[in-house]
Amino acid sequence: MTDTSIESLRTQHCVPRKGKDAGLSATEVTAWLAKLPDWHLSADSSEIRKEFRFADYFHTIAFVNAIASIAHREDHHPDLEAGYARCVVRYSTHDVGGLSLNDFICAAKVEDLRVRD
């Protein structure tokens, strides 16, 4: 892990990762998580998550559809919980039994979807 900037994550693409050796260490998870605003590690350290808030259902679903596009391109799919004005995004890599670089790559791409004030 040489460049731990969010810009580095945004430019990378997911690759297949399998087995425990393809997972990230606790130190790596902490370093990457620090680059992603308001993303949190689950209590068992198996996933990262963030809740996004929106003005209405239309904007929430537009966000969900944009995430679906990222997931399709990267072949890495989050768990999503969508409601009227909120969406919870959760990433983990089942094939490594925890977190991989793919989770952070996709989370960085999701961050780019947010309209900045």
C-alpha atoms as a PDB file:
ATOM      1  CA  MET A   1       0.000   0.000   0.000  1.00  0.00           C
ATOM      2  CA  THR A   2       1.985   2.968  -1.245  1.00  0.00           C
ATOM      3  CA  ASP A   3      -0.448   5.769  -2.115  1.00  0.00           C
ATOM      4  CA  THR A   4      -3.296   5.958   0.391  1.00  0.00           C
ATOM      5  CA  SER A   5      -5.011   9.015  -1.059  1.00  0.00           C
ATOM      6  CA  ILE A   6      -8.677   9.045  -1.987  1.00  0.00           C
ATOM      7  CA  GLU A   7      -7.591  10.167  -5.459  1.00  0.00           C
ATOM      8  CA  SER A   8      -5.623   6.942  -5.784  1.00  0.00           C
ATOM      9  CA  LEU A   9      -8.739   4.942  -4.913  1.00  0.00           C
ATOM     10  CA  ARG A  10     -10.888   6.830  -7.418  1.00  0.00           C
ATOM     11  CA  THR A  11      -8.590   5.951 -10.314  1.00  0.00           C
ATOM     12  CA  GLN A  12      -8.278   2.243  -9.528  1.00  0.00           C
ATOM     13  CA  HIS A  13     -10.545  -0.569 -10.670  1.00  0.00           C
ATOM     14  CA  CYS A  14     -11.625  -3.692  -8.853  1.00  0.00           C
ATOM     15  CA  VAL A  15      -9.933  -6.985  -9.594  1.00  0.00           C
ATOM     16  CA  PRO A  16     -10.986 -10.446  -8.407  1.00  0.00           C
ATOM     17  CA  ARG A  17      -9.702 -11.107  -4.880  1.00  0.00           C
ATOM     18  CA  LYS A  18     -10.070 -14.464  -3.187  1.00  0.00           C
ATOM     19  CA  GLY A  19      -8.875 -15.967   0.064  1.00  0.00           C
ATOM     20  CA  LYS A  20      -7.780 -14.459   3.360  1.00  0.00           C
ATOM     21  CA  ASP A  21      -4.453 -13.331   1.874  1.00  0.00           C
ATOM     22  CA  ALA A  22      -6.322 -10.957  -0.456  1.00  0.00           C
ATOM     23  CA  GLY A  23      -7.965  -9.201   2.488  1.00  0.00           C
ATOM     24  CA  LEU A  24      -6.676  -6.046   4.124  1.00  0.00           C
ATOM     25  CA  SER A  25      -4.911  -5.897   7.468  1.00  0.00           C
ATOM     26  CA  ALA A  26      -6.413  -3.863  10.308  1.00  0.00           C
ATOM     27  CA  THR A  27      -3.741  -1.216   9.714  1.00  0.00           C
ATOM     28  CA  GLU A  28      -4.633  -0.961   6.022  1.00  0.00           C
ATOM     29  CA  VAL A  29      -8.355  -0.762   6.799  1.00  0.00           C
ATOM     30  CA  THR A  30      -7.731   2.064   9.266  1.00  0.00           C
ATOM     31  CA  ALA A  31      -5.586   3.978   6.747  1.00  0.00           C
ATOM     32  CA  TRP A  32      -8.126   3.689   3.929  1.00  0.00           C
ATOM     33  CA  LEU A  33     -11.107   4.405   6.170  1.00  0.00           C
ATOM     34  CA  ALA A  34      -9.493   7.679   7.251  1.00  0.00           C
ATOM     35  CA  LYS A  35      -9.700   8.841   3.619  1.00  0.00           C
ATOM     36  CA  LEU A  36     -13.457   8.277   3.316  1.00  0.00           C
ATOM     37  CA  PRO A  37     -15.579  10.904   5.106  1.00  0.00           C
ATOM     38  CA  ASP A  38     -18.245   9.485   7.434  1.00  0.00           C
ATOM     39  CA  TRP A  39     -17.702   5.848   6.452  1.00  0.00           C
ATOM     40  CA  HIS A  40     -17.674   3.511   9.450  1.00  0.00           C
ATOM     41  CA  LEU A  41     -16.308   0.080  10.201  1.00  0.00           C
ATOM     42  CA  SER A  42     -18.780  -2.508  11.482  1.00  0.00           C
ATOM     43  CA  ALA A  43     -18.362  -3.811  15.016  1.00  0.00           C
ATOM     44  CA  ASP A  44     -16.938  -7.095  13.721  1.00  0.00           C
ATOM     45  CA  SER A  45     -14.670  -5.283  11.195  1.00  0.00           C
ATOM     46  CA  SER A  46     -16.226  -7.210   8.302  1.00  0.00           C
ATOM     47  CA  GLU A  47     -17.710  -4.275   6.378  1.00  0.00           C
ATOM     48  CA  ILE A  48     -17.669  -0.528   5.861  1.00  0.00           C
ATOM     49  CA  ARG A  49     -20.888   1.477   5.740  1.00  0.00           C
ATOM     50  CA  LYS A  50     -22.265   4.950   5.278  1.00  0.00           C
ATOM     51  CA  GLU A  51     -25.736   6.437   5.415  1.00  0.00           C
ATOM     52  CA  PHE A  52     -26.569   9.046   2.777  1.00  0.00           C
ATOM     53  CA  ARG A  53     -29.509  11.459   3.159  1.00  0.00           C
ATOM     54  CA  PHE A  54     -31.561  13.017   0.363  1.00  0.00           C
ATOM     55  CA  ALA A  55     -34.355  15.543  -0.109  1.00  0.00           C
ATOM     56  CA  ASP A  56     -36.828  13.019  -1.473  1.00  0.00           C
ATOM     57  CA  TYR A  57     -37.421   9.584  -2.937  1.00  0.00           C
ATOM     58  CA  PHE A  58     -36.486  10.584  -6.494  1.00  0.00           C
ATOM     59  CA  HIS A  59     -32.989  11.673  -5.439  1.00  0.00           C
ATOM     60  CA  THR A  60     -32.532   8.570  -3.307  1.00  0.00           C
ATOM     61  CA  ILE A  61     -33.408   6.235  -6.174  1.00  0.00           C
ATOM     62  CA  ALA A  62     -31.246   8.207  -8.624  1.00  0.00           C
ATOM     63  CA  PHE A  63     -28.357   7.651  -6.201  1.00  0.00           C
ATOM     64  CA  VAL A  64     -29.155   3.920  -5.952  1.00  0.00           C
ATOM     65  CA  ASN A  65     -29.178   3.662  -9.752  1.00  0.00           C
ATOM     66  CA  ALA A  66     -25.827   5.435  -9.989  1.00  0.00           C
ATOM     67  CA  ILE A  67     -24.375   2.978  -7.457  1.00  0.00           C
ATOM     68  CA  ALA A  68     -25.770   0.115  -9.549  1.00  0.00           C
ATOM     69  CA  SER A  69     -23.832   1.479 -12.519  1.00  0.00           C
ATOM     70  CA  ILE A  70     -20.592   1.551 -10.508  1.00  0.00           C
ATOM     71  CA  ALA A  71     -21.264  -1.974  -9.232  1.00  0.00           C
ATOM     72  CA  HIS A  72     -21.810  -3.236 -12.771  1.00  0.00           C
ATOM     73  CA  ARG A  73     -18.635  -1.577 -14.108  1.00  0.00           C
ATOM     74  CA  GLU A  74     -16.473  -2.737 -11.206  1.00  0.00           C
ATOM     75  CA  ASP A  75     -18.155  -6.144 -10.756  1.00  0.00           C
ATOM     76  CA  HIS A  76     -18.280  -5.444  -7.022  1.00  0.00           C
ATOM     77  CA  HIS A  77     -21.707  -5.097  -5.447  1.00  0.00           C
ATOM     78  CA  PRO A  78     -22.681  -3.411  -2.182  1.00  0.00           C
ATOM     79  CA  ASP A  79     -25.575  -4.180   0.097  1.00  0.00           C
ATOM     80  CA  LEU A  80     -28.035  -1.299  -0.109  1.00  0.00           C
ATOM     81  CA  GLU A  81     -30.909  -0.259   2.135  1.00  0.00           C
ATOM     82  CA  ALA A  82     -33.034   2.434   0.501  1.00  0.00           C
ATOM     83  CA  GLY A  83     -35.885   4.412   2.025  1.00  0.00           C
ATOM     84  CA  TYR A  84     -37.752   7.568   1.138  1.00  0.00           C
ATOM     85  CA  ALA A  85     -34.896   9.985   1.831  1.00  0.00           C
ATOM     86  CA  ARG A  86     -31.954   7.786   2.804  1.00  0.00           C
ATOM     87  CA  CYS A  87     -29.697   5.041   1.536  1.00  0.00           C
ATOM     88  CA  VAL A  88     -27.275   2.935   3.565  1.00  0.00           C
ATOM     89  CA  VAL A  89     -24.377   1.554   1.530  1.00  0.00           C
ATOM     90  CA  ARG A  90     -22.377  -1.391   2.900  1.00  0.00           C
ATOM     91  CA  TYR A  91     -19.308  -2.952   1.306  1.00  0.00           C
ATOM     92  CA  SER A  92     -17.457  -6.155   2.107  1.00  0.00           C
ATOM     93  CA  THR A  93     -15.694  -8.773   0.022  1.00  0.00           C
ATOM     94  CA  HIS A  94     -17.267 -12.148   0.682  1.00  0.00           C
ATOM     95  CA  ASP A  95     -14.518 -14.009  -1.176  1.00  0.00           C
ATOM     96  CA  VAL A  96     -11.908 -12.790   1.333  1.00  0.00           C
ATOM     97  CA  GLY A  97     -14.153 -13.034   4.377  1.00  0.00           C
ATOM     98  CA  GLY A  98     -13.892  -9.348   5.205  1.00  0.00           C
ATOM     99  CA  LEU A  99     -12.560  -6.220   3.569  1.00  0.00           C
ATOM    100  CA  SER A 100     -10.447  -5.861   0.459  1.00  0.00           C
ATOM    101  CA  LEU A 101      -9.138  -2.935  -1.528  1.00  0.00           C
ATOM    102  CA  ASN A 102     -12.190  -3.349  -3.815  1.00  0.00           C
ATOM    103  CA  ASP A 103     -14.468  -2.142  -1.010  1.00  0.00           C
ATOM    104  CA  PHE A 104     -12.538   1.094  -0.632  1.00  0.00           C
ATOM    105  CA  ILE A 105     -12.225   1.639  -4.386  1.00  0.00           C
ATOM    106  CA  CYS A 106     -16.007   1.437  -4.748  1.00  0.00           C
ATOM    107  CA  ALA A 107     -16.672   3.555  -1.656  1.00  0.00           C
ATOM    108  CA  ALA A 108     -14.461   6.298  -3.117  1.00  0.00           C
ATOM    109  CA  LYS A 109     -16.396   6.134  -6.380  1.00  0.00           C
ATOM    110  CA  VAL A 110     -19.683   6.399  -4.446  1.00  0.00           C
ATOM    111  CA  GLU A 111     -18.323   9.505  -2.706  1.00  0.00           C
ATOM    112  CA  ASP A 112     -17.945  11.114  -6.130  1.00  0.00           C
ATOM    113  CA  LEU A 113     -21.699  10.749  -6.712  1.00  0.00           C
ATOM    114  CA  ARG A 114     -22.607  13.199  -3.981  1.00  0.00           C
ATOM    115  CA  VAL A 115     -23.444  16.694  -5.162  1.00  0.00           C
ATOM    116  CA  ARG A 116     -21.279  19.131  -3.235  1.00  0.00           C
ATOM    117  CA  ASP A 117     -22.750  22.372  -1.846  1.00  0.00           C
END
